[in-house]
mmCIF file of all heavy atoms, coordinates in Angstrom:
data_MODEL
# 
_entry.id   MODEL 
# 
loop_
_atom_site.group_PDB 
_atom_site.id 
_atom_site.type_symbol 
_atom_site.label_atom_id 
_atom_site.label_alt_id 
_atom_site.label_comp_id 
_atom_site.label_asym_id 
_atom_site.label_entity_id 
_atom_site.label_seq_id 
_atom_site.pdbx_PDB_ins_code 
_atom_site.Cartn_x 
_atom_site.Cartn_y 
_atom_site.Cartn_z 
_atom_site.occupancy 
_atom_site.B_iso_or_equiv 
_atom_site.pdbx_formal_charge 
_atom_site.auth_seq_id 
_atom_site.auth_comp_id 
_atom_site.auth_asym_id 
_atom_site.auth_atom_id 
_atom_site.pdbx_PDB_model_num 
ATOM 1   N N   . ARG A 1 1  ? 3.520  16.887 5.322  1.00 0.00 ? 1  ARG A N   1 
ATOM 2   C CA  . ARG A 1 1  ? 2.874  17.873 4.442  1.00 0.00 ? 1  ARG A CA  1 
ATOM 3   C C   . ARG A 1 1  ? 1.741  17.238 3.676  1.00 0.00 ? 1  ARG A C   1 
ATOM 4   O O   . ARG A 1 1  ? 0.762  17.885 3.316  1.00 0.00 ? 1  ARG A O   1 
ATOM 5   C CB  . ARG A 1 1  ? 3.919  18.456 3.487  1.00 0.00 ? 1  ARG A CB  1 
ATOM 6   C CG  . ARG A 1 1  ? 3.415  19.445 2.431  1.00 0.00 ? 1  ARG A CG  1 
ATOM 7   C CD  . ARG A 1 1  ? 3.043  20.760 3.026  1.00 0.00 ? 1  ARG A CD  1 
ATOM 8   N NE  . ARG A 1 1  ? 2.953  21.799 2.017  1.00 0.00 ? 1  ARG A NE  1 
ATOM 9   C CZ  . ARG A 1 1  ? 2.128  22.828 2.031  1.00 0.00 ? 1  ARG A CZ  1 
ATOM 10  N NH1 . ARG A 1 1  ? 1.311  22.971 3.066  1.00 0.00 ? 1  ARG A NH1 1 
ATOM 11  N NH2 . ARG A 1 1  ? 2.134  23.733 1.075  1.00 0.00 ? 1  ARG A NH2 1 
ATOM 12  N N   . TYR A 1 2  ? 1.864  15.940 3.357  1.00 0.00 ? 2  TYR A N   1 
ATOM 13  C CA  . TYR A 1 2  ? 0.862  15.212 2.596  1.00 0.00 ? 2  TYR A CA  1 
ATOM 14  C C   . TYR A 1 2  ? -0.070 14.394 3.470  1.00 0.00 ? 2  TYR A C   1 
ATOM 15  O O   . TYR A 1 2  ? -0.866 13.574 2.969  1.00 0.00 ? 2  TYR A O   1 
ATOM 16  C CB  . TYR A 1 2  ? 1.529  14.329 1.552  1.00 0.00 ? 2  TYR A CB  1 
ATOM 17  C CG  . TYR A 1 2  ? 2.069  15.110 0.366  1.00 0.00 ? 2  TYR A CG  1 
ATOM 18  C CD1 . TYR A 1 2  ? 3.289  15.797 0.434  1.00 0.00 ? 2  TYR A CD1 1 
ATOM 19  C CD2 . TYR A 1 2  ? 1.318  15.244 -0.812 1.00 0.00 ? 2  TYR A CD2 1 
ATOM 20  C CE1 . TYR A 1 2  ? 3.773  16.511 -0.616 1.00 0.00 ? 2  TYR A CE1 1 
ATOM 21  C CE2 . TYR A 1 2  ? 1.793  15.968 -1.906 1.00 0.00 ? 2  TYR A CE2 1 
ATOM 22  C CZ  . TYR A 1 2  ? 3.024  16.625 -1.800 1.00 0.00 ? 2  TYR A CZ  1 
ATOM 23  O OH  . TYR A 1 2  ? 3.507  17.358 -2.851 1.00 0.00 ? 2  TYR A OH  1 
ATOM 24  N N   . GLY A 1 3  ? -0.002 14.579 4.797  1.00 0.00 ? 3  GLY A N   1 
ATOM 25  C CA  . GLY A 1 3  ? -0.864 13.841 5.715  1.00 0.00 ? 3  GLY A CA  1 
ATOM 26  C C   . GLY A 1 3  ? -0.544 12.371 5.831  1.00 0.00 ? 3  GLY A C   1 
ATOM 27  O O   . GLY A 1 3  ? -1.359 11.552 6.140  1.00 0.00 ? 3  GLY A O   1 
ATOM 28  N N   . THR A 1 4  ? 0.736  12.040 5.637  1.00 0.00 ? 4  THR A N   1 
ATOM 29  C CA  . THR A 1 4  ? 1.243  10.676 5.803  1.00 0.00 ? 4  THR A CA  1 
ATOM 30  C C   . THR A 1 4  ? 2.064  10.629 7.046  1.00 0.00 ? 4  THR A C   1 
ATOM 31  O O   . THR A 1 4  ? 2.986  11.432 7.215  1.00 0.00 ? 4  THR A O   1 
ATOM 32  C CB  . THR A 1 4  ? 2.067  10.242 4.569  1.00 0.00 ? 4  THR A CB  1 
ATOM 33  O OG1 . THR A 1 4  ? 1.198  10.238 3.441  1.00 0.00 ? 4  THR A OG1 1 
ATOM 34  C CG2 . THR A 1 4  ? 2.654  8.892  4.778  1.00 0.00 ? 4  THR A CG2 1 
ATOM 35  N N   . LEU A 1 5  ? 1.763  9.740  7.974  1.00 0.00 ? 5  LEU A N   1 
ATOM 36  C CA  . LEU A 1 5  ? 2.388  9.726  9.289  1.00 0.00 ? 5  LEU A CA  1 
ATOM 37  C C   . LEU A 1 5  ? 3.754  9.078  9.255  1.00 0.00 ? 5  LEU A C   1 
ATOM 38  O O   . LEU A 1 5  ? 3.862  7.884  8.894  1.00 0.00 ? 5  LEU A O   1 
ATOM 39  C CB  . LEU A 1 5  ? 1.500  9.016  10.290 1.00 0.00 ? 5  LEU A CB  1 
ATOM 40  C CG  . LEU A 1 5  ? 0.102  9.651  10.520 1.00 0.00 ? 5  LEU A CG  1 
ATOM 41  C CD1 . LEU A 1 5  ? -0.706 8.820  11.500 1.00 0.00 ? 5  LEU A CD1 1 
ATOM 42  C CD2 . LEU A 1 5  ? 0.239  11.087 11.024 1.00 0.00 ? 5  LEU A CD2 1 
ATOM 43  N N   . PRO A 1 6  ? 4.808  9.789  9.617  1.00 0.00 ? 6  PRO A N   1 
ATOM 44  C CA  . PRO A 1 6  ? 6.161  9.207  9.608  1.00 0.00 ? 6  PRO A CA  1 
ATOM 45  C C   . PRO A 1 6  ? 6.379  8.253  10.785 1.00 0.00 ? 6  PRO A C   1 
ATOM 46  O O   . PRO A 1 6  ? 5.862  8.494  11.883 1.00 0.00 ? 6  PRO A O   1 
ATOM 47  C CB  . PRO A 1 6  ? 7.090  10.406 9.698  1.00 0.00 ? 6  PRO A CB  1 
ATOM 48  C CG  . PRO A 1 6  ? 6.276  11.544 10.208 1.00 0.00 ? 6  PRO A CG  1 
ATOM 49  C CD  . PRO A 1 6  ? 4.826  11.225 9.896  1.00 0.00 ? 6  PRO A CD  1 
ATOM 50  N N   . ILE A 1 7  ? 7.109  7.187  10.497 1.00 0.00 ? 7  ILE A N   1 
ATOM 51  C CA  . ILE A 1 7  ? 7.579  6.263  11.542 1.00 0.00 ? 7  ILE A CA  1 
ATOM 52  C C   . ILE A 1 7  ? 9.094  6.359  11.528 1.00 0.00 ? 7  ILE A C   1 
ATOM 53  O O   . ILE A 1 7  ? 9.740  5.958  10.571 1.00 0.00 ? 7  ILE A O   1 
ATOM 54  C CB  . ILE A 1 7  ? 7.113  4.832  11.256 1.00 0.00 ? 7  ILE A CB  1 
ATOM 55  C CG1 . ILE A 1 7  ? 5.579  4.756  11.264 1.00 0.00 ? 7  ILE A CG1 1 
ATOM 56  C CG2 . ILE A 1 7  ? 7.696  3.863  12.269 1.00 0.00 ? 7  ILE A CG2 1 
ATOM 57  C CD1 . ILE A 1 7  ? 5.023  3.413  10.859 1.00 0.00 ? 7  ILE A CD1 1 
ATOM 58  N N   . VAL A 1 8  ? 9.684  6.942  12.576 1.00 0.00 ? 8  VAL A N   1 
ATOM 59  C CA  . VAL A 1 8  ? 11.098 7.298  12.540 1.00 0.00 ? 8  VAL A CA  1 
ATOM 60  C C   . VAL A 1 8  ? 11.816 6.794  13.763 1.00 0.00 ? 8  VAL A C   1 
ATOM 61  O O   . VAL A 1 8  ? 11.211 6.535  14.821 1.00 0.00 ? 8  VAL A O   1 
ATOM 62  C CB  . VAL A 1 8  ? 11.296 8.849  12.480 1.00 0.00 ? 8  VAL A CB  1 
ATOM 63  C CG1 . VAL A 1 8  ? 10.528 9.446  11.294 1.00 0.00 ? 8  VAL A CG1 1 
ATOM 64  C CG2 . VAL A 1 8  ? 10.832 9.524  13.776 1.00 0.00 ? 8  VAL A CG2 1 
ATOM 65  N N   . ARG A 1 9  ? 13.120 6.621  13.583 1.00 0.00 ? 9  ARG A N   1 
ATOM 66  C CA  . ARG A 1 9  ? 13.985 6.474  14.789 1.00 0.00 ? 9  ARG A CA  1 
ATOM 67  C C   . ARG A 1 9  ? 14.325 7.886  15.227 1.00 0.00 ? 9  ARG A C   1 
ATOM 68  O O   . ARG A 1 9  ? 14.744 8.734  14.418 1.00 0.00 ? 9  ARG A O   1 
ATOM 69  C CB  . ARG A 1 9  ? 15.256 5.698  14.438 1.00 0.00 ? 9  ARG A CB  1 
ATOM 70  C CG  . ARG A 1 9  ? 16.182 5.589  15.640 1.00 0.00 ? 9  ARG A CG  1 
ATOM 71  C CD  . ARG A 1 9  ? 17.351 4.672  15.390 1.00 0.00 ? 9  ARG A CD  1 
ATOM 72  N NE  . ARG A 1 9  ? 18.266 4.772  16.535 1.00 0.00 ? 9  ARG A NE  1 
ATOM 73  C CZ  . ARG A 1 9  ? 19.307 5.560  16.568 1.00 0.00 ? 9  ARG A CZ  1 
ATOM 74  N NH1 . ARG A 1 9  ? 19.638 6.335  15.532 1.00 0.00 ? 9  ARG A NH1 1 
ATOM 75  N NH2 . ARG A 1 9  ? 20.078 5.623  17.659 1.00 0.00 ? 9  ARG A NH2 1 
ATOM 76  N N   . ARG A 1 10 ? 14.190 8.134  16.514 1.00 0.00 ? 10 ARG A N   1 
ATOM 77  C CA  . ARG A 1 10 ? 14.334 9.502  17.000 1.00 0.00 ? 10 ARG A CA  1 
ATOM 78  C C   . ARG A 1 10 ? 15.817 9.901  17.174 1.00 0.00 ? 10 ARG A C   1 
ATOM 79  O O   . ARG A 1 10 ? 16.390 9.828  18.246 1.00 0.00 ? 10 ARG A O   1 
ATOM 80  C CB  . ARG A 1 10 ? 13.572 9.641  18.338 1.00 0.00 ? 10 ARG A CB  1 
ATOM 81  C CG  . ARG A 1 10 ? 12.090 9.484  18.118 1.00 0.00 ? 10 ARG A CG  1 
ATOM 82  C CD  . ARG A 1 10 ? 11.276 9.897  19.314 1.00 0.00 ? 10 ARG A CD  1 
ATOM 83  N NE  . ARG A 1 10 ? 11.498 9.058  20.489 1.00 0.00 ? 10 ARG A NE  1 
ATOM 84  C CZ  . ARG A 1 10 ? 10.869 9.149  21.624 1.00 0.00 ? 10 ARG A CZ  1 
ATOM 85  N NH1 . ARG A 1 10 ? 9.944  10.102 21.808 1.00 0.00 ? 10 ARG A NH1 1 
ATOM 86  N NH2 . ARG A 1 10 ? 11.138 8.312  22.611 1.00 0.00 ? 10 ARG A NH2 1 
ATOM 87  N N   . THR A 1 11 ? 16.366 10.293 16.026 1.00 0.00 ? 11 THR A N   1 
ATOM 88  C CA  . THR A 1 11 ? 17.772 10.740 15.988 1.00 0.00 ? 11 THR A CA  1 
ATOM 89  C C   . THR A 1 11 ? 17.809 12.014 15.187 1.00 0.00 ? 11 THR A C   1 
ATOM 90  O O   . THR A 1 11 ? 16.967 12.235 14.284 1.00 0.00 ? 11 THR A O   1 
ATOM 91  C CB  . THR A 1 11 ? 18.653 9.650  15.353 1.00 0.00 ? 11 THR A CB  1 
ATOM 92  O OG1 . THR A 1 11 ? 20.026 10.126 15.360 1.00 0.00 ? 11 THR A OG1 1 
ATOM 93  C CG2 . THR A 1 11 ? 18.276 9.369  13.897 1.00 0.00 ? 11 THR A CG2 1 
ATOM 94  N N   . GLY A 1 12 ? 18.769 12.877 15.466 1.00 0.00 ? 12 GLY A N   1 
ATOM 95  C CA  . GLY A 1 12 ? 18.946 14.098 14.733 1.00 0.00 ? 12 GLY A CA  1 
ATOM 96  C C   . GLY A 1 12 ? 17.665 14.879 14.553 1.00 0.00 ? 12 GLY A C   1 
ATOM 97  O O   . GLY A 1 12 ? 16.869 15.055 15.456 1.00 0.00 ? 12 GLY A O   1 
ATOM 98  N N   . GLY A 1 13 ? 17.457 15.365 13.304 1.00 0.00 ? 13 GLY A N   1 
ATOM 99  C CA  . GLY A 1 13 ? 16.268 16.187 13.053 1.00 0.00 ? 13 GLY A CA  1 
ATOM 100 C C   . GLY A 1 13 ? 14.973 15.414 13.061 1.00 0.00 ? 13 GLY A C   1 
ATOM 101 O O   . GLY A 1 13 ? 13.895 16.000 13.140 1.00 0.00 ? 13 GLY A O   1 
ATOM 102 N N   . LEU A 1 14 ? 15.047 14.080 12.998 1.00 0.00 ? 14 LEU A N   1 
ATOM 103 C CA  . LEU A 1 14 ? 13.808 13.281 13.099 1.00 0.00 ? 14 LEU A CA  1 
ATOM 104 C C   . LEU A 1 14 ? 13.172 13.459 14.459 1.00 0.00 ? 14 LEU A C   1 
ATOM 105 O O   . LEU A 1 14 ? 11.960 13.503 14.600 1.00 0.00 ? 14 LEU A O   1 
ATOM 106 C CB  . LEU A 1 14 ? 14.118 11.798 12.844 1.00 0.00 ? 14 LEU A CB  1 
ATOM 107 C CG  . LEU A 1 14 ? 14.736 11.470 11.487 1.00 0.00 ? 14 LEU A CG  1 
ATOM 108 C CD1 . LEU A 1 14 ? 15.059 9.976  11.384 1.00 0.00 ? 14 LEU A CD1 1 
ATOM 109 C CD2 . LEU A 1 14 ? 13.842 11.894 10.353 1.00 0.00 ? 14 LEU A CD2 1 
ATOM 110 N N   . LYS A 1 15 ? 14.001 13.579 15.493 1.00 0.00 ? 15 LYS A N   1 
ATOM 111 C CA  . LYS A 1 15 ? 13.478 13.800 16.833 1.00 0.00 ? 15 LYS A CA  1 
ATOM 112 C C   . LYS A 1 15 ? 12.895 15.201 16.977 1.00 0.00 ? 15 LYS A C   1 
ATOM 113 O O   . LYS A 1 15 ? 11.914 15.395 17.694 1.00 0.00 ? 15 LYS A O   1 
ATOM 114 C CB  . LYS A 1 15 ? 14.607 13.596 17.865 1.00 0.00 ? 15 LYS A CB  1 
ATOM 115 C CG  . LYS A 1 15 ? 14.162 13.665 19.297 1.00 0.00 ? 15 LYS A CG  1 
ATOM 116 C CD  . LYS A 1 15 ? 15.281 13.344 20.267 1.00 0.00 ? 15 LYS A CD  1 
ATOM 117 C CE  . LYS A 1 15 ? 14.822 13.372 21.692 1.00 0.00 ? 15 LYS A CE  1 
ATOM 118 N NZ  . LYS A 1 15 ? 15.922 12.982 22.660 1.00 0.00 ? 15 LYS A NZ  1 
ATOM 119 N N   . ASP A 1 16 ? 13.483 16.160 16.292 1.00 0.00 ? 16 ASP A N   1 
ATOM 120 C CA  . ASP A 1 16 ? 12.986 17.549 16.373 1.00 0.00 ? 16 ASP A CA  1 
ATOM 121 C C   . ASP A 1 16 ? 11.669 17.740 15.640 1.00 0.00 ? 16 ASP A C   1 
ATOM 122 O O   . ASP A 1 16 ? 10.870 18.607 16.010 1.00 0.00 ? 16 ASP A O   1 
ATOM 123 C CB  . ASP A 1 16 ? 14.036 18.519 15.782 1.00 0.00 ? 16 ASP A CB  1 
ATOM 124 C CG  . ASP A 1 16 ? 15.248 18.699 16.655 1.00 0.00 ? 16 ASP A CG  1 
ATOM 125 O OD1 . ASP A 1 16 ? 15.091 18.844 17.883 1.00 0.00 ? 16 ASP A OD1 1 
ATOM 126 O OD2 . ASP A 1 16 ? 16.358 18.598 16.142 1.00 0.00 ? 16 ASP A OD2 1 
ATOM 127 N N   . SER A 1 17 ? 11.462 16.956 14.576 1.00 0.00 ? 17 SER A N   1 
ATOM 128 C CA  . SER A 1 17 ? 10.322 17.270 13.711 1.00 0.00 ? 17 SER A CA  1 
ATOM 129 C C   . SER A 1 17 ? 9.128  16.328 13.863 1.00 0.00 ? 17 SER A C   1 
ATOM 130 O O   . SER A 1 17 ? 8.015  16.628 13.366 1.00 0.00 ? 17 SER A O   1 
ATOM 131 C CB  . SER A 1 17 ? 10.773 17.251 12.234 1.00 0.00 ? 17 SER A CB  1 
ATOM 132 O OG  . SER A 1 17 ? 11.401 16.038 11.932 1.00 0.00 ? 17 SER A OG  1 
ATOM 133 N N   . VAL A 1 18 ? 9.315  15.162 14.486 1.00 0.00 ? 18 VAL A N   1 
ATOM 134 C CA  . VAL A 1 18 ? 8.213  14.196 14.647 1.00 0.00 ? 18 VAL A CA  1 
ATOM 135 C C   . VAL A 1 18 ? 7.874  14.058 16.112 1.00 0.00 ? 18 VAL A C   1 
ATOM 136 O O   . VAL A 1 18 ? 8.711  13.661 16.941 1.00 0.00 ? 18 VAL A O   1 
ATOM 137 C CB  . VAL A 1 18 ? 8.637  12.818 14.048 1.00 0.00 ? 18 VAL A CB  1 
ATOM 138 C CG1 . VAL A 1 18 ? 7.501  11.812 14.289 1.00 0.00 ? 18 VAL A CG1 1 
ATOM 139 C CG2 . VAL A 1 18 ? 8.926  12.942 12.549 1.00 0.00 ? 18 VAL A CG2 1 
ATOM 140 N N   . ILE A 1 19 ? 6.650  14.407 16.461 1.00 0.00 ? 19 ILE A N   1 
ATOM 141 C CA  . ILE A 1 19 ? 6.151  14.256 17.819 1.00 0.00 ? 19 ILE A CA  1 
ATOM 142 C C   . ILE A 1 19 ? 5.512  12.888 17.947 1.00 0.00 ? 19 ILE A C   1 
ATOM 143 O O   . ILE A 1 19 ? 4.468  12.622 17.343 1.00 0.00 ? 19 ILE A O   1 
ATOM 144 C CB  . ILE A 1 19 ? 5.159  15.370 18.209 1.00 0.00 ? 19 ILE A CB  1 
ATOM 145 C CG1 . ILE A 1 19 ? 5.811  16.725 18.008 1.00 0.00 ? 19 ILE A CG1 1 
ATOM 146 C CG2 . ILE A 1 19 ? 4.663  15.188 19.630 1.00 0.00 ? 19 ILE A CG2 1 
ATOM 147 C CD1 . ILE A 1 19 ? 4.834  17.890 18.195 1.00 0.00 ? 19 ILE A CD1 1 
ATOM 148 N N   . ASN A 1 20 ? 6.129  11.998 18.702 1.00 0.00 ? 20 ASN A N   1 
ATOM 149 C CA  . ASN A 1 20 ? 5.677  10.599 18.804 1.00 0.00 ? 20 ASN A CA  1 
ATOM 150 C C   . ASN A 1 20 ? 4.356  10.475 19.495 1.00 0.00 ? 20 ASN A C   1 
ATOM 151 O O   . ASN A 1 20 ? 4.137  11.043 20.582 1.00 0.00 ? 20 ASN A O   1 
ATOM 152 C CB  . ASN A 1 20 ? 6.777  9.838  19.567 1.00 0.00 ? 20 ASN A CB  1 
ATOM 153 C CG  . ASN A 1 20 ? 6.336  8.397  19.851 1.00 0.00 ? 20 ASN A CG  1 
ATOM 154 O OD1 . ASN A 1 20 ? 5.819  7.717  18.968 1.00 0.00 ? 20 ASN A OD1 1 
ATOM 155 N ND2 . ASN A 1 20 ? 6.502  7.956  21.099 1.00 0.00 ? 20 ASN A ND2 1 
ATOM 156 N N   . TYR A 1 21 ? 3.457  9.699  18.894 1.00 0.00 ? 21 TYR A N   1 
ATOM 157 C CA  . TYR A 1 21 ? 2.194  9.379  19.565 1.00 0.00 ? 21 TYR A CA  1 
ATOM 158 C C   . TYR A 1 21 ? 2.438  8.189  20.514 1.00 0.00 ? 21 TYR A C   1 
ATOM 159 O O   . TYR A 1 21 ? 2.833  7.110  20.050 1.00 0.00 ? 21 TYR A O   1 
ATOM 160 C CB  . TYR A 1 21 ? 1.110  9.028  18.565 1.00 0.00 ? 21 TYR A CB  1 
ATOM 161 C CG  . TYR A 1 21 ? -0.183 8.681  19.254 1.00 0.00 ? 21 TYR A CG  1 
ATOM 162 C CD1 . TYR A 1 21 ? -0.841 9.584  20.084 1.00 0.00 ? 21 TYR A CD1 1 
ATOM 163 C CD2 . TYR A 1 21 ? -0.748 7.413  19.089 1.00 0.00 ? 21 TYR A CD2 1 
ATOM 164 C CE1 . TYR A 1 21 ? -2.008 9.234  20.732 1.00 0.00 ? 21 TYR A CE1 1 
ATOM 165 C CE2 . TYR A 1 21 ? -1.926 7.062  19.731 1.00 0.00 ? 21 TYR A CE2 1 
ATOM 166 C CZ  . TYR A 1 21 ? -2.560 7.994  20.556 1.00 0.00 ? 21 TYR A CZ  1 
ATOM 167 O OH  . TYR A 1 21 ? -3.727 7.642  21.201 1.00 0.00 ? 21 TYR A OH  1 
ATOM 168 N N   . ASP A 1 22 ? 2.162  8.385  21.800 1.00 0.00 ? 22 ASP A N   1 
ATOM 169 C CA  . ASP A 1 22 ? 2.389  7.332  22.783 1.00 0.00 ? 22 ASP A CA  1 
ATOM 170 C C   . ASP A 1 22 ? 1.098  6.946  23.475 1.00 0.00 ? 22 ASP A C   1 
ATOM 171 O O   . ASP A 1 22 ? 1.131  6.250  24.503 1.00 0.00 ? 22 ASP A O   1 
ATOM 172 C CB  . ASP A 1 22 ? 3.424  7.757  23.814 1.00 0.00 ? 22 ASP A CB  1 
ATOM 173 C CG  . ASP A 1 22 ? 3.014  9.069  24.556 1.00 0.00 ? 22 ASP A CG  1 
ATOM 174 O OD1 . ASP A 1 22 ? 1.866  9.478  24.426 1.00 0.00 ? 22 ASP A OD1 1 
ATOM 175 O OD2 . ASP A 1 22 ? 3.893  9.611  25.255 1.00 0.00 ? 22 ASP A OD2 1 
ATOM 176 N N   . GLY A 1 23 ? -0.024 7.359  22.923 1.00 0.00 ? 23 GLY A N   1 
ATOM 177 C CA  . GLY A 1 23 ? -1.308 7.000  23.509 1.00 0.00 ? 23 GLY A CA  1 
ATOM 178 C C   . GLY A 1 23 ? -1.944 8.078  24.354 1.00 0.00 ? 23 GLY A C   1 
ATOM 179 O O   . GLY A 1 23 ? -3.143 8.013  24.634 1.00 0.00 ? 23 GLY A O   1 
ATOM 180 N N   . GLY A 1 24 ? -1.165 9.097  24.718 1.00 0.00 ? 24 GLY A N   1 
ATOM 181 C CA  . GLY A 1 24 ? -1.714 10.104 25.617 1.00 0.00 ? 24 GLY A CA  1 
ATOM 182 C C   . GLY A 1 24 ? -1.548 11.518 25.136 1.00 0.00 ? 24 GLY A C   1 
ATOM 183 O O   . GLY A 1 24 ? -1.882 12.448 25.840 1.00 0.00 ? 24 GLY A O   1 
# 
């Protein structure tokens, strides 16, 4: 919401809400 990029382990709702940048 504040334009700060999350760095998360993809578990639970973290996987649902953060779309990982993988270069492509």
